[in-house]
N, C-alpha and C. Protein backbone atom coordinates (compact mmCIF):
# COMPACT_ATOMS: atom_id res chain seq x y z
N MET A 1 89.18 66.40 33.96
CA MET A 1 90.27 66.47 34.92
C MET A 1 90.69 67.87 35.10
N LYS A 2 91.30 68.18 36.24
CA LYS A 2 91.71 69.56 36.54
C LYS A 2 93.30 69.55 36.39
N LEU A 3 93.75 70.52 35.57
CA LEU A 3 95.19 70.62 35.37
C LEU A 3 95.55 72.10 35.73
N GLN A 4 96.73 72.25 36.42
CA GLN A 4 97.27 73.55 36.80
C GLN A 4 98.53 73.83 36.01
N VAL A 5 98.58 74.95 35.32
CA VAL A 5 99.74 75.35 34.53
C VAL A 5 100.83 75.72 35.50
N THR A 6 102.04 75.09 35.29
CA THR A 6 103.21 75.41 36.15
C THR A 6 104.24 76.14 35.32
N GLU A 7 104.31 75.92 34.00
CA GLU A 7 105.27 76.59 33.12
C GLU A 7 104.57 76.75 31.76
N ILE A 8 104.77 77.88 31.07
CA ILE A 8 104.13 78.05 29.76
C ILE A 8 105.01 78.99 28.93
N SER A 9 105.01 78.75 27.65
CA SER A 9 105.65 79.63 26.68
C SER A 9 104.67 79.80 25.51
N PHE A 10 104.42 81.07 25.21
CA PHE A 10 103.49 81.35 24.11
C PHE A 10 104.26 81.80 22.85
N ASP A 11 103.66 81.64 21.68
CA ASP A 11 104.23 82.13 20.47
C ASP A 11 103.59 83.54 20.21
N PHE A 12 104.34 84.56 20.63
CA PHE A 12 103.84 85.89 20.42
C PHE A 12 104.21 86.53 19.10
N THR A 13 104.79 85.78 18.24
CA THR A 13 105.18 86.30 16.94
C THR A 13 104.03 86.25 15.91
N ASP A 14 103.89 87.34 15.16
CA ASP A 14 102.85 87.43 14.18
C ASP A 14 103.37 88.50 13.16
N ASP A 15 103.20 88.22 11.83
CA ASP A 15 103.62 89.15 10.79
C ASP A 15 102.91 90.51 10.85
N ASN A 16 101.68 90.52 11.34
CA ASN A 16 100.88 91.70 11.24
C ASN A 16 100.75 92.44 12.60
N PHE A 17 101.26 91.85 13.71
CA PHE A 17 101.05 92.46 15.03
C PHE A 17 102.29 92.13 15.93
N GLU A 18 102.78 93.20 16.59
CA GLU A 18 103.91 92.96 17.48
C GLU A 18 103.38 93.19 18.93
N CYS A 19 103.27 92.08 19.68
CA CYS A 19 102.78 92.19 21.05
C CYS A 19 103.88 92.76 21.95
N PRO A 20 103.57 93.89 22.64
CA PRO A 20 104.61 94.47 23.51
C PRO A 20 105.03 93.45 24.60
N VAL A 21 106.32 93.58 24.95
CA VAL A 21 106.86 92.66 25.93
C VAL A 21 106.15 92.73 27.29
N GLU A 22 105.70 93.87 27.70
CA GLU A 22 104.98 94.04 28.94
C GLU A 22 103.64 93.21 28.89
N ILE A 23 102.99 93.22 27.77
CA ILE A 23 101.76 92.41 27.62
C ILE A 23 102.08 90.98 27.61
N GLN A 24 103.16 90.55 26.91
CA GLN A 24 103.58 89.16 26.89
C GLN A 24 103.79 88.66 28.34
N ARG A 25 104.53 89.40 29.14
CA ARG A 25 104.77 88.99 30.54
C ARG A 25 103.48 88.91 31.34
N SER A 26 102.60 89.85 31.12
CA SER A 26 101.28 89.89 31.83
C SER A 26 100.47 88.64 31.52
N ILE A 27 100.41 88.29 30.23
CA ILE A 27 99.64 87.11 29.86
C ILE A 27 100.27 85.84 30.43
N THR A 28 101.57 85.74 30.37
CA THR A 28 102.27 84.56 30.91
C THR A 28 101.97 84.47 32.39
N ARG A 29 102.15 85.56 33.11
CA ARG A 29 101.93 85.56 34.63
C ARG A 29 100.51 85.18 34.95
N GLU A 30 99.54 85.71 34.13
CA GLU A 30 98.12 85.44 34.40
C GLU A 30 97.85 83.93 34.25
N CYS A 31 98.43 83.32 33.29
CA CYS A 31 98.18 81.92 33.03
C CYS A 31 98.79 80.97 34.00
N LEU A 32 100.03 81.31 34.53
CA LEU A 32 100.71 80.52 35.50
C LEU A 32 99.87 80.33 36.71
N GLY A 33 99.71 79.11 37.16
CA GLY A 33 99.01 78.77 38.36
C GLY A 33 97.53 78.57 38.13
N GLN A 34 97.02 78.98 36.99
CA GLN A 34 95.64 78.82 36.71
C GLN A 34 95.21 77.36 36.58
N ILE A 35 94.07 76.99 37.08
CA ILE A 35 93.56 75.66 37.01
C ILE A 35 92.47 75.58 35.95
N TRP A 36 92.59 74.56 35.07
CA TRP A 36 91.71 74.39 33.94
C TRP A 36 90.96 73.04 34.10
N ASP A 37 89.68 73.01 33.82
CA ASP A 37 88.96 71.75 33.86
C ASP A 37 88.79 71.30 32.39
N VAL A 38 89.61 70.31 32.01
CA VAL A 38 89.72 69.91 30.60
C VAL A 38 89.68 68.42 30.51
N GLU A 39 89.57 67.84 29.29
CA GLU A 39 89.54 66.45 29.08
C GLU A 39 90.98 65.82 29.10
N ASP A 40 91.93 66.54 28.49
CA ASP A 40 93.31 66.02 28.39
C ASP A 40 94.28 67.16 28.00
N GLU A 41 95.55 66.85 27.81
CA GLU A 41 96.55 67.88 27.53
C GLU A 41 96.21 68.61 26.25
N GLU A 42 95.72 67.97 25.19
CA GLU A 42 95.44 68.62 24.00
C GLU A 42 94.26 69.64 24.16
N ASP A 43 93.28 69.29 24.93
CA ASP A 43 92.20 70.16 25.30
C ASP A 43 92.74 71.37 26.06
N LEU A 44 93.68 71.15 26.93
CA LEU A 44 94.26 72.22 27.75
C LEU A 44 94.90 73.27 26.82
N VAL A 45 95.70 72.80 25.88
CA VAL A 45 96.36 73.62 24.96
C VAL A 45 95.34 74.43 24.08
N GLU A 46 94.32 73.79 23.63
CA GLU A 46 93.25 74.42 22.86
C GLU A 46 92.55 75.51 23.71
N GLU A 47 92.21 75.23 24.95
CA GLU A 47 91.51 76.12 25.83
C GLU A 47 92.35 77.35 26.10
N ILE A 48 93.68 77.21 26.41
CA ILE A 48 94.60 78.28 26.58
C ILE A 48 94.72 79.13 25.40
N THR A 49 94.86 78.47 24.24
CA THR A 49 95.05 79.24 23.01
C THR A 49 93.79 80.10 22.70
N ALA A 50 92.61 79.49 22.87
CA ALA A 50 91.37 80.20 22.65
C ALA A 50 91.14 81.33 23.60
N ASN A 51 91.56 81.16 24.90
CA ASN A 51 91.36 82.12 25.91
C ASN A 51 92.32 83.37 25.73
N TYR A 52 93.58 83.08 25.38
CA TYR A 52 94.55 84.14 25.32
C TYR A 52 94.81 84.66 23.94
N GLY A 53 94.42 83.91 22.90
CA GLY A 53 94.62 84.30 21.49
C GLY A 53 96.03 84.15 20.92
N PHE A 54 96.90 83.38 21.66
CA PHE A 54 98.19 83.07 21.20
C PHE A 54 98.44 81.61 21.31
N CYS A 55 99.16 81.04 20.34
CA CYS A 55 99.46 79.60 20.40
C CYS A 55 100.49 79.30 21.48
N VAL A 56 100.38 78.12 22.03
CA VAL A 56 101.25 77.64 23.07
C VAL A 56 102.46 76.95 22.48
N ASN A 57 103.68 77.42 22.78
CA ASN A 57 104.89 76.74 22.29
C ASN A 57 105.23 75.56 23.17
N SER A 58 105.21 75.70 24.47
CA SER A 58 105.50 74.67 25.42
C SER A 58 104.70 74.85 26.69
N LEU A 59 104.47 73.76 27.40
CA LEU A 59 103.56 73.76 28.50
C LEU A 59 103.93 72.65 29.51
N ASP A 60 103.93 72.99 30.80
CA ASP A 60 104.05 72.02 31.86
C ASP A 60 102.89 72.22 32.76
N TYR A 61 102.41 71.22 33.36
CA TYR A 61 101.27 71.22 34.28
C TYR A 61 101.24 70.17 35.28
N ARG A 62 100.40 70.27 36.21
CA ARG A 62 100.24 69.23 37.22
C ARG A 62 98.81 68.92 37.39
N HIS A 63 98.47 67.68 37.76
CA HIS A 63 97.10 67.27 37.96
C HIS A 63 96.69 67.77 39.33
N VAL A 64 95.47 68.29 39.44
CA VAL A 64 94.95 68.75 40.68
C VAL A 64 93.87 67.77 41.13
N LEU A 65 94.11 67.16 42.32
CA LEU A 65 93.12 66.24 42.82
C LEU A 65 92.03 66.97 43.56
N SER A 66 90.78 66.54 43.30
CA SER A 66 89.66 67.18 43.92
C SER A 66 89.35 66.57 45.27
């Protein structure tokens, strides 16, 4: 199924690394509107986490009909 990210919040906190706010905003903007071809919501979260390297705190999406 194809899912498009409409809202997302990442966990940018890490004890060993402080991600600059500008980078945080850039990552969030890049992810918004992106369409992912995944099996389900859990797969979507895993794909986004693997792609961006930060865990997803919250996520909203819509189904994209082909």
